[in-house]
Amino acid sequence: MGTGGRYGLRPGKGNAEGVVAGKGNTDGVAATPTPTAASASCQYRCIECNQEAKELYRDYNHGVLKITICKSCQKPVDKYIEYDPVIILINAILCKAQAYRHILFNTKINMHGKLCIFCLLCEAYLRWWQLQDSNQNTDPDDFIRYAKEWDFYRMFAIASLEQAAFFTGIFTFLWVERPTTAKKKPDFILLLKALLLSSYGKLLLIPAVIWEHDYTSLCLRLIKVFVLTSNFQAIRVTLNISRKLSFLAIVSGLLVESTMVYFFQRMEWDVGSDCTIYKSQDF
């Protein structure tokens, strides 16, 4: 989820007008701001107060940049534009709201779909591994049957359906609570992208399985908690709602996901879901 520092910025970030009066010149800089076209609308957000901003910095001649000051909180609109990507990633792992606002509102990331597919592949591999590991029969025919690609594809499809159910529960709750949760119409497309990005913790499933040890079960539980915590923070930052509503949205998503898992179990499908995987396996 890390993004580039000053030199990894999205083109056009300094091309809007609206810097606070008196903030346009710096000491020792005689040049005037480079003439540029103003933005038609506020496309950025202050990472401190979540207020809209027209620009993140002002570009002067000779490569001199000055970070824009927020008119609302009088703090830099986005201090992370000068931070190293590793620092941004660490702050995102710590679930800091400022880092999430920087990534979601002030950067251009087009890896949501690829990250989603890769996370689902990691989860499908974990389920396939659990399915194969739970078989105590050493018959070669059974081993070949579990090694077939069809089992892996089936786990991938089930993992995709459960994630879709989880997101559906979240969106349904937020849609019902929409009159009281938002001052304006919520951007559910942005929320979907935020949820996909905040699920990056599922990438840790593969190392947890590869380096199997006595604490693998605990590691898988902690990964699940971390992913849910990241989803919680993504909802709160994207829609600018209270922690209570964000928590209830996560609970709603888990309830819908658990319902789908129960449905699969009633059909006697061995789904290896996160909701049951920790109870059925003894590492």
Protein backbone atom coordinates (compact mmCIF):
# COMPACT_ATOMS: atom_id res chain seq x y z
CA MET A 1 0.00 0.00 0.00
CA GLY A 2 3.02 2.24 0.05
CA THR A 3 3.30 5.05 -2.45
CA GLY A 4 6.11 7.14 -3.78
CA GLY A 5 7.49 10.13 -1.99
CA ARG A 6 7.93 13.52 -3.63
CA TYR A 7 9.12 12.00 -6.87
CA GLY A 8 6.38 9.37 -7.01
CA LEU A 9 3.50 11.84 -7.05
CA ARG A 10 0.62 11.72 -9.45
CA PRO A 11 1.02 14.22 -12.30
CA GLY A 12 -0.83 17.47 -11.78
CA LYS A 13 -0.73 17.56 -7.99
CA GLY A 14 0.68 21.05 -7.98
CA ASN A 15 -1.40 22.43 -10.79
CA ALA A 16 -4.29 23.94 -8.84
CA GLU A 17 -4.72 27.34 -7.33
CA GLY A 18 -5.94 28.08 -3.85
CA VAL A 19 -2.87 28.21 -1.62
CA VAL A 20 -3.57 30.13 1.56
CA ALA A 21 -2.82 33.81 1.29
CA GLY A 22 0.66 34.61 2.45
CA LYS A 23 1.91 31.09 1.84
CA GLY A 24 2.82 31.59 -1.79
CA ASN A 25 6.45 32.76 -1.39
CA THR A 26 9.37 31.26 0.44
CA ASP A 27 12.46 32.98 1.78
CA GLY A 28 15.16 33.33 -0.79
CA VAL A 29 12.86 32.46 -3.67
CA ALA A 30 12.40 35.34 -6.06
CA ALA A 31 10.51 33.37 -8.66
CA THR A 32 6.77 33.47 -8.95
CA PRO A 33 4.53 30.40 -9.19
CA THR A 34 4.49 28.73 -12.55
CA PRO A 35 1.26 29.62 -14.38
CA THR A 36 -0.97 26.56 -14.46
CA ALA A 37 -4.61 25.73 -14.96
CA ALA A 38 -6.77 25.58 -11.86
CA SER A 39 -8.54 22.39 -10.94
CA ALA A 40 -12.24 22.30 -11.63
CA SER A 41 -12.94 20.69 -8.26
CA CYS A 42 -11.24 19.72 -5.02
CA GLN A 43 -9.74 16.32 -5.75
CA TYR A 44 -7.54 15.87 -2.68
CA ARG A 45 -8.08 15.59 1.06
CA CYS A 46 -6.25 16.90 4.08
CA ILE A 47 -4.88 13.87 5.89
CA GLU A 48 -5.40 15.54 9.28
CA CYS A 49 -8.98 16.89 9.15
CA ASN A 50 -10.31 15.21 5.97
CA GLN A 51 -11.25 18.56 4.41
CA GLU A 52 -11.11 18.86 0.64
CA ALA A 53 -8.12 20.59 -0.96
CA LYS A 54 -7.36 21.74 -4.48
CA GLU A 55 -3.66 20.95 -4.36
CA LEU A 56 -1.01 19.25 -2.26
CA TYR A 57 1.88 21.56 -3.07
CA ARG A 58 2.81 24.62 -5.14
CA ASP A 59 5.50 24.20 -7.74
CA TYR A 60 7.83 27.22 -8.15
CA ASN A 61 10.63 27.78 -10.63
CA HIS A 62 13.95 25.98 -10.29
CA GLY A 63 12.29 22.94 -8.74
CA VAL A 64 11.26 24.68 -5.52
CA LEU A 65 8.17 23.10 -3.95
CA LYS A 66 6.08 24.31 -1.04
CA ILE A 67 3.55 22.05 0.66
CA THR A 68 0.07 23.51 0.83
CA ILE A 69 -1.34 24.39 4.25
CA CYS A 70 -4.90 23.32 5.00
CA LYS A 71 -7.25 26.24 5.50
CA SER A 72 -9.24 24.33 8.10
CA CYS A 73 -6.65 22.88 10.50
CA GLN A 74 -3.63 25.00 9.47
CA LYS A 75 -1.50 21.88 9.02
CA PRO A 76 0.16 20.52 5.86
CA VAL A 77 -2.47 18.99 3.60
CA ASP A 78 -0.36 15.87 3.04
CA LYS A 79 3.00 15.52 4.72
CA TYR A 80 3.45 12.02 3.26
CA ILE A 81 4.25 13.36 -0.20
CA GLU A 82 7.83 13.82 1.01
CA TYR A 83 8.01 10.54 2.93
CA ASP A 84 9.73 7.38 1.80
CA PRO A 85 7.35 4.63 0.62
CA VAL A 86 8.60 2.33 3.38
CA ILE A 87 7.56 4.86 6.03
CA ILE A 88 4.12 5.17 4.43
CA LEU A 89 3.74 1.39 4.39
CA ILE A 90 4.69 1.12 8.06
CA ASN A 91 2.14 3.77 8.98
CA ALA A 92 -0.49 1.93 6.93
CA ILE A 93 0.33 -1.31 8.74
CA LEU A 94 -0.16 0.58 12.02
CA CYS A 95 -3.61 1.56 10.65
CA LYS A 96 -3.03 5.29 10.96
CA ALA A 97 -5.89 7.27 9.48
CA GLN A 98 -3.51 9.83 7.95
CA ALA A 99 -1.69 7.14 5.98
CA TYR A 100 -4.98 5.72 4.73
CA ARG A 101 -6.19 9.16 3.58
CA HIS A 102 -2.92 9.71 1.74
CA ILE A 103 -3.21 6.39 -0.08
CA LEU A 104 -6.93 6.51 -0.81
CA PHE A 105 -7.41 10.19 -1.69
CA ASN A 106 -4.06 11.70 -2.64
CA THR A 107 -2.43 9.00 -4.73
CA LYS A 108 -3.34 7.15 -7.89
CA ILE A 109 -3.25 3.40 -7.38
CA ASN A 110 -4.67 1.08 -10.03
CA MET A 111 -3.77 -2.28 -8.52
CA HIS A 112 -7.05 -3.04 -6.75
CA GLY A 113 -8.07 -5.86 -9.10
CA LYS A 114 -4.64 -7.48 -9.23
CA LEU A 115 -4.26 -7.31 -5.45
CA CYS A 116 -7.73 -8.82 -4.98
CA ILE A 117 -6.95 -11.74 -7.30
CA PHE A 118 -3.60 -12.39 -5.65
CA CYS A 119 -5.13 -12.31 -2.14
CA LEU A 120 -7.84 -14.74 -3.25
CA LEU A 121 -5.17 -17.04 -4.70
CA CYS A 122 -3.34 -16.97 -1.36
CA GLU A 123 -6.54 -17.80 0.51
CA ALA A 124 -7.45 -20.52 -1.98
CA TYR A 125 -4.00 -22.08 -1.59
CA LEU A 126 -4.42 -22.08 2.19
CA ARG A 127 -7.81 -23.81 1.92
CA TRP A 128 -6.46 -26.31 -0.63
CA TRP A 129 -3.52 -27.02 1.67
CA GLN A 130 -5.89 -27.56 4.61
CA LEU A 131 -8.05 -29.86 2.50
CA GLN A 132 -5.07 -31.95 1.49
CA ASP A 133 -3.54 -31.96 4.96
CA SER A 134 -6.79 -33.12 6.59
CA ASN A 135 -6.72 -36.32 4.51
CA GLN A 136 -4.97 -39.03 6.51
CA ASN A 137 -5.24 -41.66 3.78
CA THR A 138 -1.92 -42.41 2.10
CA ASP A 139 -3.53 -44.06 -0.91
CA PRO A 140 -1.77 -42.70 -4.06
CA ASP A 141 -5.09 -42.40 -5.82
CA ASP A 142 -6.41 -40.09 -3.13
CA PHE A 143 -3.24 -38.01 -3.22
CA ILE A 144 -3.58 -37.57 -6.98
CA ARG A 145 -7.25 -36.64 -6.56
CA TYR A 146 -6.43 -33.88 -4.06
CA ALA A 147 -3.54 -32.68 -6.21
CA LYS A 148 -5.80 -31.98 -9.17
CA GLU A 149 -6.20 -28.37 -10.17
CA TRP A 150 -9.97 -28.66 -9.89
CA ASP A 151 -9.77 -28.71 -6.09
CA PHE A 152 -7.73 -25.52 -6.09
CA TYR A 153 -10.11 -23.79 -8.50
CA ARG A 154 -13.04 -24.85 -6.34
CA MET A 155 -11.39 -23.32 -3.27
CA PHE A 156 -10.75 -20.15 -5.26
CA ALA A 157 -14.41 -19.91 -6.29
CA ILE A 158 -15.63 -20.48 -2.74
CA ALA A 159 -13.20 -17.91 -1.34
CA SER A 160 -14.41 -15.41 -3.94
CA LEU A 161 -18.06 -16.01 -3.03
CA GLU A 162 -17.37 -15.60 0.67
CA GLN A 163 -15.49 -12.36 0.13
CA ALA A 164 -18.34 -11.10 -2.07
CA ALA A 165 -20.77 -12.00 0.74
CA PHE A 166 -18.61 -10.12 3.25
CA PHE A 167 -18.57 -7.00 1.09
CA THR A 168 -22.31 -7.34 0.41
CA GLY A 169 -23.02 -7.34 4.13
CA ILE A 170 -20.95 -4.20 4.60
CA PHE A 171 -22.55 -2.34 1.69
CA THR A 172 -26.06 -3.38 2.73
CA PHE A 173 -25.57 -2.08 6.26
CA LEU A 174 -24.08 1.19 5.07
CA TRP A 175 -26.87 1.62 2.52
CA VAL A 176 -29.52 1.15 5.20
CA GLU A 177 -27.72 3.55 7.52
CA ARG A 178 -26.96 6.02 4.73
CA PRO A 179 -29.36 8.79 5.92
CA THR A 180 -27.54 8.95 9.27
CA THR A 181 -23.97 8.04 8.33
CA ALA A 182 -23.10 10.57 5.65
CA LYS A 183 -23.68 14.22 4.97
CA LYS A 184 -23.54 13.50 1.24
CA LYS A 185 -23.99 10.48 -0.96
CA PRO A 186 -21.27 7.92 -0.08
CA ASP A 187 -18.88 6.83 -2.79
CA PHE A 188 -19.29 3.05 -2.74
CA ILE A 189 -16.90 2.60 -5.68
CA LEU A 190 -14.14 4.23 -3.66
CA LEU A 191 -15.15 2.17 -0.64
CA LEU A 192 -14.86 -1.03 -2.66
CA LYS A 193 -11.36 -0.05 -3.77
CA ALA A 194 -10.47 0.81 -0.18
CA LEU A 195 -11.69 -2.59 1.06
CA LEU A 196 -9.73 -4.40 -1.63
CA LEU A 197 -6.55 -2.49 -0.82
CA SER A 198 -6.99 -2.93 2.92
CA SER A 199 -7.18 -6.71 2.48
CA TYR A 200 -3.49 -6.85 1.64
CA GLY A 201 -2.86 -8.64 4.94
CA LYS A 202 -4.04 -11.88 3.31
CA LEU A 203 -0.69 -12.00 1.54
CA LEU A 204 0.75 -13.14 4.87
CA LEU A 205 -1.18 -16.41 4.62
CA ILE A 206 1.41 -17.97 2.32
CA PRO A 207 4.45 -17.42 4.60
CA ALA A 208 2.37 -18.67 7.56
CA VAL A 209 1.71 -21.92 5.69
CA ILE A 210 5.19 -22.35 4.18
CA TRP A 211 6.97 -21.92 7.51
CA GLU A 212 4.58 -24.19 9.39
CA HIS A 213 5.19 -24.50 13.13
CA ASP A 214 3.30 -25.04 16.37
CA TYR A 215 1.96 -21.47 16.33
CA THR A 216 0.59 -21.50 12.77
CA SER A 217 -3.01 -21.60 14.05
CA LEU A 218 -2.38 -18.50 16.17
CA CYS A 219 -0.71 -16.75 13.22
CA LEU A 220 -3.73 -17.39 11.00
CA ARG A 221 -6.05 -15.95 13.64
CA LEU A 222 -3.87 -12.85 14.00
CA ILE A 223 -3.81 -12.38 10.21
CA LYS A 224 -7.62 -12.54 10.15
CA VAL A 225 -7.84 -9.93 12.93
CA PHE A 226 -5.34 -7.69 11.12
CA VAL A 227 -7.31 -7.85 7.85
CA LEU A 228 -10.57 -7.01 9.64
CA THR A 229 -8.88 -4.13 11.47
CA SER A 230 -7.58 -2.76 8.17
CA ASN A 231 -11.06 -3.07 6.62
CA PHE A 232 -12.50 -1.25 9.64
CA GLN A 233 -10.07 1.64 9.22
CA ALA A 234 -10.68 1.79 5.46
CA ILE A 235 -14.44 2.15 6.00
CA ARG A 236 -14.00 4.82 8.66
CA VAL A 237 -11.59 6.88 6.57
CA THR A 238 -13.39 6.54 3.24
CA LEU A 239 -16.85 7.49 4.49
CA ASN A 240 -15.69 9.65 7.42
CA ILE A 241 -18.03 7.92 9.85
CA SER A 242 -17.76 6.96 13.50
CA ARG A 243 -15.89 3.94 14.82
CA LYS A 244 -19.16 2.45 16.06
CA LEU A 245 -20.76 2.42 12.60
CA SER A 246 -17.57 1.07 11.02
CA PHE A 247 -17.49 -1.74 13.58
CA LEU A 248 -21.16 -2.58 12.97
CA ALA A 249 -20.50 -2.65 9.22
CA ILE A 250 -17.70 -5.19 9.74
CA VAL A 251 -19.95 -7.29 11.99
CA SER A 252 -22.68 -7.21 9.35
CA GLY A 253 -20.22 -8.41 6.73
CA LEU A 254 -19.07 -11.26 8.98
CA LEU A 255 -22.66 -12.33 9.62
CA VAL A 256 -23.44 -12.54 5.90
CA GLU A 257 -20.18 -14.38 5.26
CA SER A 258 -20.92 -16.84 8.08
CA THR A 259 -24.37 -17.43 6.61
CA MET A 260 -22.83 -18.37 3.29
CA VAL A 261 -20.34 -20.69 5.00
CA TYR A 262 -23.24 -22.37 6.81
CA PHE A 263 -25.01 -22.76 3.48
CA PHE A 264 -21.96 -24.44 1.97
CA GLN A 265 -21.70 -26.76 4.97
CA ARG A 266 -25.34 -27.74 4.63
CA MET A 267 -24.52 -28.72 1.06
CA GLU A 268 -21.69 -30.84 2.53
CA TRP A 269 -18.99 -28.89 0.75
CA ASP A 270 -15.56 -28.97 2.36
CA VAL A 271 -14.93 -25.24 2.05
CA GLY A 272 -12.06 -24.77 4.50
CA SER A 273 -13.41 -21.32 5.35
CA ASP A 274 -11.71 -18.91 7.73
CA CYS A 275 -14.83 -19.18 9.88
CA THR A 276 -14.23 -22.89 10.48
CA ILE A 277 -10.61 -23.52 9.57
CA TYR A 278 -9.23 -22.67 13.01
CA LYS A 279 -11.71 -24.90 14.81
CA SER A 280 -11.27 -27.97 12.61
CA GLN A 281 -7.48 -28.03 12.35
CA ASP A 282 -4.95 -28.90 15.02
CA PHE A 283 -1.57 -27.83 13.87
